[in-house]
Protein backbone atom coordinates (compact mmCIF):
# COMPACT_ATOMS: atom_id res chain seq x y z
CA MET A 1 -18.69 -16.45 8.56
CA PHE A 2 -15.56 -14.30 8.65
CA ASP A 3 -16.19 -10.74 9.89
CA LEU A 4 -13.90 -8.55 7.77
CA LYS A 5 -15.16 -5.30 9.27
CA ALA A 6 -14.20 -6.40 12.78
CA PHE A 7 -10.86 -7.78 11.56
CA LEU A 8 -9.94 -4.53 9.78
CA ALA A 9 -11.00 -2.45 12.78
CA GLN A 10 -8.91 -4.55 15.18
CA LYS A 11 -5.80 -4.56 13.00
CA THR A 12 -6.13 -0.86 12.20
CA GLN A 13 -6.27 -0.03 15.90
CA LEU A 14 -3.14 -2.08 16.60
CA ILE A 15 -1.28 -0.51 13.68
CA ASN A 16 -2.29 3.00 14.68
CA GLN A 17 -1.12 2.38 18.24
CA ALA A 18 2.22 1.08 16.99
CA LEU A 19 2.69 4.03 14.62
CA ALA A 20 1.82 6.53 17.33
CA ALA A 21 4.31 4.88 19.70
CA ILE A 22 7.07 5.20 17.10
CA LEU A 23 6.37 8.90 16.58
CA LYS A 24 6.36 9.52 20.34
CA THR A 25 9.97 8.39 20.60
CA ALA A 26 11.14 11.65 19.01
CA ASP A 27 13.16 13.74 21.47
CA LYS A 28 11.59 17.08 20.61
CA PRO A 29 8.33 17.57 18.68
CA ASP A 30 8.74 20.19 15.96
CA ARG A 31 7.16 21.29 12.69
CA LEU A 32 8.71 18.42 10.75
CA LEU A 33 7.41 15.81 13.17
CA GLU A 34 4.04 17.54 13.17
CA ALA A 35 3.85 17.24 9.37
CA MET A 36 4.94 13.59 9.50
CA SER A 37 2.28 12.81 12.09
CA TYR A 38 -0.35 14.84 10.22
CA ALA A 39 0.05 12.68 7.12
CA LEU A 40 0.73 9.34 8.80
CA MET A 41 -2.07 9.46 11.38
CA ALA A 42 -4.74 10.88 9.07
CA GLY A 43 -6.38 7.48 8.75
CA GLY A 44 -6.43 5.65 5.48
CA LYS A 45 -7.26 2.03 4.78
CA ARG A 46 -3.98 0.61 6.21
CA ILE A 47 -4.25 -2.13 3.59
CA ARG A 48 -0.50 -2.71 3.24
CA PRO A 49 0.29 -3.23 6.94
CA ILE A 50 -2.88 -5.26 7.38
CA LEU A 51 -1.84 -7.52 4.50
CA CYS A 52 1.53 -7.96 6.17
CA LEU A 53 -0.10 -9.08 9.42
CA ALA A 54 -2.68 -11.27 7.66
CA ALA A 55 -0.02 -13.03 5.57
CA ALA A 56 1.88 -13.89 8.75
CA GLU A 57 -1.24 -15.32 10.34
CA THR A 58 -1.98 -17.34 7.19
CA VAL A 59 1.22 -19.34 7.70
CA ASP A 60 0.78 -19.68 11.50
CA GLY A 61 2.99 -16.71 12.39
CA ASP A 62 2.56 -14.28 15.26
CA PRO A 63 1.51 -10.90 13.84
CA ARG A 64 3.20 -9.11 16.73
CA ASN A 65 6.56 -10.21 15.37
CA VAL A 66 5.93 -8.53 12.01
CA MET A 67 4.43 -5.28 13.32
CA PRO A 68 7.67 -3.29 12.79
CA ALA A 69 7.63 -4.28 9.13
CA ALA A 70 3.94 -3.42 8.88
CA CYS A 71 4.58 0.05 10.31
CA ALA A 72 7.53 0.62 8.00
CA LEU A 73 5.40 -0.28 4.98
CA GLU A 74 2.72 2.23 6.00
CA MET A 75 5.35 4.93 6.46
CA ILE A 76 6.68 4.30 2.97
CA HIS A 77 3.18 4.34 1.52
CA THR A 78 2.38 7.62 3.29
CA TYR A 79 5.62 9.22 2.10
CA SER A 80 4.68 8.28 -1.47
CA LEU A 81 1.26 9.91 -1.07
CA ILE A 82 2.80 13.12 0.27
CA HIS A 83 5.09 13.36 -2.74
CA ASP A 84 2.42 12.27 -5.25
CA ASP A 85 0.19 15.10 -4.07
CA LEU A 86 2.82 17.81 -4.65
CA PRO A 87 2.24 20.45 -7.36
CA ALA A 88 5.09 19.01 -9.44
CA MET A 89 3.24 15.68 -9.63
CA ASP A 90 -0.52 15.27 -9.13
CA ASP A 91 -1.12 18.68 -7.50
CA ASP A 92 -3.93 17.45 -5.24
CA ASP A 93 -5.59 19.44 -2.47
CA MET A 94 -7.24 16.66 -0.46
CA ARG A 95 -6.00 13.34 0.87
CA ARG A 96 -7.64 11.01 3.42
CA GLY A 97 -10.38 13.56 4.03
CA GLN A 98 -8.09 16.45 4.92
CA LEU A 99 -5.83 18.96 3.21
CA THR A 100 -2.76 17.42 1.60
CA CYS A 101 0.47 17.87 3.52
CA HIS A 102 1.82 20.64 1.30
CA LYS A 103 -1.48 22.54 1.63
CA ALA A 104 -1.63 22.17 5.40
CA PHE A 105 2.05 23.11 5.81
CA ASP A 106 4.11 24.12 2.76
CA GLU A 107 5.85 22.39 -0.11
CA ALA A 108 9.30 22.28 1.47
CA THR A 109 7.96 20.85 4.72
CA ALA A 110 5.91 18.27 2.83
CA ILE A 111 8.94 17.12 0.83
CA LEU A 112 11.02 16.80 3.99
CA ALA A 113 8.20 15.05 5.87
CA GLY A 114 8.00 12.48 3.08
CA ASP A 115 11.78 12.04 3.09
CA ALA A 116 11.75 11.64 6.86
CA LEU A 117 9.03 8.97 6.81
CA LEU A 118 10.92 7.01 4.16
CA THR A 119 14.17 7.02 6.10
CA LEU A 120 12.38 6.36 9.41
CA ALA A 121 10.88 3.24 7.84
CA PHE A 122 14.33 1.78 7.22
CA GLN A 123 15.50 2.90 10.66
CA ILE A 124 12.66 0.81 12.12
CA LEU A 125 13.44 -2.18 9.88
CA SER A 126 17.11 -2.13 10.86
CA SER A 127 16.51 -1.67 14.62
CA ILE A 128 15.07 -5.11 15.38
CA PRO A 129 16.93 -6.99 18.16
CA ILE A 130 18.52 -10.01 16.48
CA ASN A 131 18.87 -13.25 18.46
CA ASN A 132 20.17 -15.69 15.85
CA GLN A 133 21.43 -16.07 12.30
CA ARG A 134 18.04 -17.18 10.95
CA GLN A 135 16.34 -14.06 12.30
CA ALA A 136 19.10 -11.85 10.91
CA THR A 137 18.68 -13.42 7.47
CA GLN A 138 14.90 -12.93 7.57
CA TRP A 139 15.11 -9.24 8.41
CA LEU A 140 17.86 -8.62 5.86
CA ARG A 141 15.66 -10.29 3.26
CA VAL A 142 12.75 -8.05 4.29
CA ILE A 143 14.87 -4.90 4.01
CA HIS A 144 15.88 -6.02 0.51
CA LEU A 145 12.27 -6.74 -0.50
CA VAL A 146 10.99 -3.41 0.77
CA SER A 147 13.81 -1.33 -0.70
CA GLN A 148 13.39 -3.01 -4.08
CA ALA A 149 9.60 -2.52 -4.05
CA ALA A 150 9.83 1.13 -3.01
CA GLY A 151 12.78 2.13 -5.18
CA TYR A 152 13.57 2.89 -8.77
CA CYS A 153 12.76 -0.66 -9.88
CA GLY A 154 9.38 -0.52 -8.17
CA MET A 155 7.09 2.19 -6.87
CA ILE A 156 9.19 5.19 -7.90
CA GLN A 157 9.59 3.88 -11.44
CA GLY A 158 5.84 3.31 -11.52
CA GLN A 159 5.21 6.92 -10.52
CA MET A 160 7.59 8.10 -13.24
CA LEU A 161 5.65 6.07 -15.81
CA ASP A 162 2.38 7.40 -14.41
CA MET A 163 3.53 10.94 -15.07
CA ALA A 164 4.51 9.91 -18.61
CA SER A 165 1.00 8.54 -19.15
CA GLU A 166 -0.31 12.11 -19.12
CA LYS A 167 1.70 12.87 -22.25
CA ARG A 168 0.87 9.86 -24.41
CA ARG A 169 -1.64 7.02 -24.65
CA PHE A 170 -0.44 3.80 -23.04
CA THR A 171 -1.35 0.36 -24.33
CA LEU A 172 -3.10 -2.05 -21.97
CA ASP A 173 0.12 -4.00 -21.41
CA GLU A 174 2.01 -0.79 -20.64
CA LEU A 175 -0.71 0.26 -18.21
CA LYS A 176 -0.57 -3.10 -16.40
CA SER A 177 3.21 -2.91 -16.19
CA MET A 178 3.08 0.61 -14.78
CA HIS A 179 0.58 -0.30 -12.08
CA ARG A 180 2.44 -3.46 -11.10
CA LEU A 181 5.26 -1.09 -10.23
CA LYS A 182 3.42 1.93 -8.85
CA THR A 183 0.82 0.14 -6.73
CA GLY A 184 1.49 -3.57 -6.93
CA ALA A 185 5.14 -3.65 -5.88
CA LEU A 186 4.56 -2.43 -2.32
CA ILE A 187 1.46 -4.60 -1.92
CA GLU A 188 3.49 -7.64 -3.01
CA ALA A 189 6.25 -6.69 -0.57
CA SER A 190 3.69 -6.34 2.24
CA VAL A 191 2.38 -9.87 1.75
CA CYS A 192 5.79 -11.46 1.16
CA CYS A 193 7.38 -9.73 4.17
CA GLY A 194 4.67 -10.98 6.48
CA ALA A 195 5.07 -14.50 5.17
CA GLU A 196 8.88 -14.42 5.25
CA LEU A 197 9.04 -13.17 8.84
CA ALA A 198 6.54 -15.84 9.89
CA GLY A 199 8.82 -18.56 8.54
CA ALA A 200 6.71 -19.53 5.53
CA LYS A 201 7.95 -22.26 3.21
CA ALA A 202 9.18 -21.27 -0.26
CA ASP A 203 6.10 -22.64 -2.03
CA GLN A 204 3.82 -20.76 0.39
CA VAL A 205 5.64 -17.50 -0.27
CA GLN A 206 5.33 -18.12 -4.01
CA MET A 207 1.56 -18.66 -3.81
CA LEU A 208 1.09 -15.61 -1.62
CA GLU A 209 3.20 -13.54 -4.01
CA LYS A 210 0.86 -14.50 -6.87
CA TYR A 211 -2.12 -13.58 -4.69
CA ALA A 212 -0.55 -10.17 -4.04
CA GLN A 213 0.14 -9.60 -7.72
CA HIS A 214 -3.53 -10.11 -8.53
CA ILE A 215 -4.91 -7.94 -5.74
CA GLY A 216 -2.31 -5.23 -6.40
CA LEU A 217 -3.54 -4.83 -9.96
CA ALA A 218 -7.18 -5.15 -8.87
CA PHE A 219 -6.59 -2.35 -6.36
CA GLN A 220 -5.44 0.03 -9.10
CA VAL A 221 -8.22 -0.94 -11.53
CA THR A 222 -10.74 -0.18 -8.78
CA ASP A 223 -8.97 3.11 -8.04
CA ASP A 224 -9.34 4.11 -11.69
CA ILE A 225 -13.02 3.21 -11.61
CA LEU A 226 -13.59 5.22 -8.42
CA ASN A 227 -11.86 8.23 -9.99
CA VAL A 228 -14.69 8.17 -12.55
CA GLU A 229 -17.75 7.35 -10.45
CA GLY A 230 -16.67 7.48 -6.80
CA ASP A 231 -18.12 9.76 -4.14
CA PRO A 232 -15.51 12.36 -3.08
CA ASP A 233 -17.11 12.67 0.36
CA ILE A 234 -16.61 8.96 0.98
CA MET A 235 -13.20 8.76 -0.67
CA GLY A 236 -11.76 11.84 1.02
CA LYS A 237 -10.25 13.10 -2.23
CA ALA A 238 -11.36 14.56 -5.54
CA VAL A 239 -12.69 12.47 -8.44
CA GLY A 240 -12.42 13.09 -12.17
CA THR A 241 -8.79 14.14 -11.87
CA ASP A 242 -7.50 11.41 -14.21
CA ALA A 243 -9.67 12.62 -17.08
CA ARG A 244 -8.68 16.25 -16.50
CA ARG A 245 -5.02 15.28 -16.72
CA CYS A 246 -5.68 13.08 -19.78
CA LYS A 247 -4.11 10.12 -17.96
CA THR A 248 -4.32 6.63 -19.39
CA THR A 249 -6.61 4.57 -17.15
CA TYR A 250 -8.48 1.29 -17.38
CA PRO A 251 -11.87 2.97 -17.91
CA ALA A 252 -10.32 5.13 -20.62
CA LEU A 253 -8.91 2.09 -22.40
CA LEU A 254 -11.52 -0.58 -21.68
CA GLY A 255 -14.64 1.29 -20.63
CA LEU A 256 -16.27 1.20 -17.19
CA ALA A 257 -18.13 -2.09 -17.57
CA GLU A 258 -15.10 -3.91 -18.94
CA SER A 259 -12.89 -2.44 -16.21
CA LYS A 260 -15.24 -3.74 -13.53
CA GLU A 261 -15.18 -7.18 -15.14
CA PHE A 262 -11.38 -7.11 -15.29
CA ALA A 263 -11.19 -6.23 -11.58
CA ALA A 264 -13.58 -9.10 -10.77
CA GLN A 265 -11.40 -11.52 -12.76
CA LEU A 266 -8.30 -10.41 -10.87
CA VAL A 267 -10.02 -10.90 -7.52
CA GLN A 268 -11.14 -14.40 -8.56
CA SER A 269 -7.60 -15.27 -9.62
CA ALA A 270 -6.32 -14.04 -6.25
CA LEU A 271 -8.82 -16.25 -4.43
CA GLU A 272 -7.79 -19.28 -6.46
CA THR A 273 -4.14 -18.88 -5.40
CA LEU A 274 -5.27 -19.37 -1.79
CA ASP A 275 -6.92 -22.75 -2.40
CA ALA A 276 -3.99 -24.57 -0.78
CA PHE A 277 -4.42 -22.66 2.50
CA ASP A 278 -6.92 -23.36 5.27
CA GLN A 279 -9.25 -21.00 7.12
CA LYS A 280 -6.30 -19.00 8.42
CA ALA A 281 -6.23 -17.40 4.96
CA ASP A 282 -9.83 -16.19 5.31
CA PRO A 283 -8.68 -12.62 6.08
CA LEU A 284 -6.71 -12.56 2.82
CA ARG A 285 -9.71 -13.94 0.96
CA ALA A 286 -11.99 -11.30 2.44
CA ILE A 287 -9.49 -8.52 1.71
CA ALA A 288 -9.35 -9.59 -1.95
CA ARG A 289 -13.13 -9.33 -2.22
CA TYR A 290 -13.09 -6.01 -0.38
CA ILE A 291 -10.54 -4.57 -2.82
CA GLY A 292 -12.86 -5.34 -5.73
CA GLU A 293 -15.95 -3.95 -4.02
CA ARG A 294 -14.60 -0.95 -2.09
CA ASN A 295 -16.00 2.57 -2.44
CA ARG A 296 -12.99 4.49 -1.09
């Protein structure tokens, strides 16, 4: 039986080591680097980089070859959290079990730390030694995928829509569309980048992309549920904030029971997209189940 706990622990350790090594290359540690490290090394689930590595392994790739992309994805995710937590957006005090970046430092430093992590991500993606045309094409494709997922057609647009959801009631279709951008886009990019860099065939990438679409939406549905009934001590952040901001969420639209059923359906759909893969896809299967059952 596949041991997801051991798999996540092993991959998280490797990712953390790689992230720490990148930060250590700075010439002179200063307040900005301290803020970047504070947010980036605070822990977190590391789901996006782990998905990147797991997707590569699913198609017989070497996860070491995709580690730079995995690190870049986590940097982009962390930058988005720093900015989401700012007073102008979600105005949160806690993140990953510690004070948010703007609370631990100040708003200006938090903004700049987020900006720095975003740009560092693309510095890492564009610094890979290229040995042949095929490799160059793969990494250029990855840079395109990540920039599209993180930009105004992806995550940033999703955040803009999320802020708008505090001012009016969204329909279910609007809510799904928003979350496919805000949360799903970077999760899809994580899976597709891992597969692309591992040399996956076009049909394999397509199946893995569908898998990522399902788990990306399931991740957000579960987040909405946890914001209602989660334990803040386990989650490392406050709960009940969506209701206080009058945000449109799945529990608000569907109810808690129906939201849980919807998340379960999405996880099942994700698992079905992996039917064509062998046991090398077991980590992706286990991650899908974990996303639907998680408590943080």
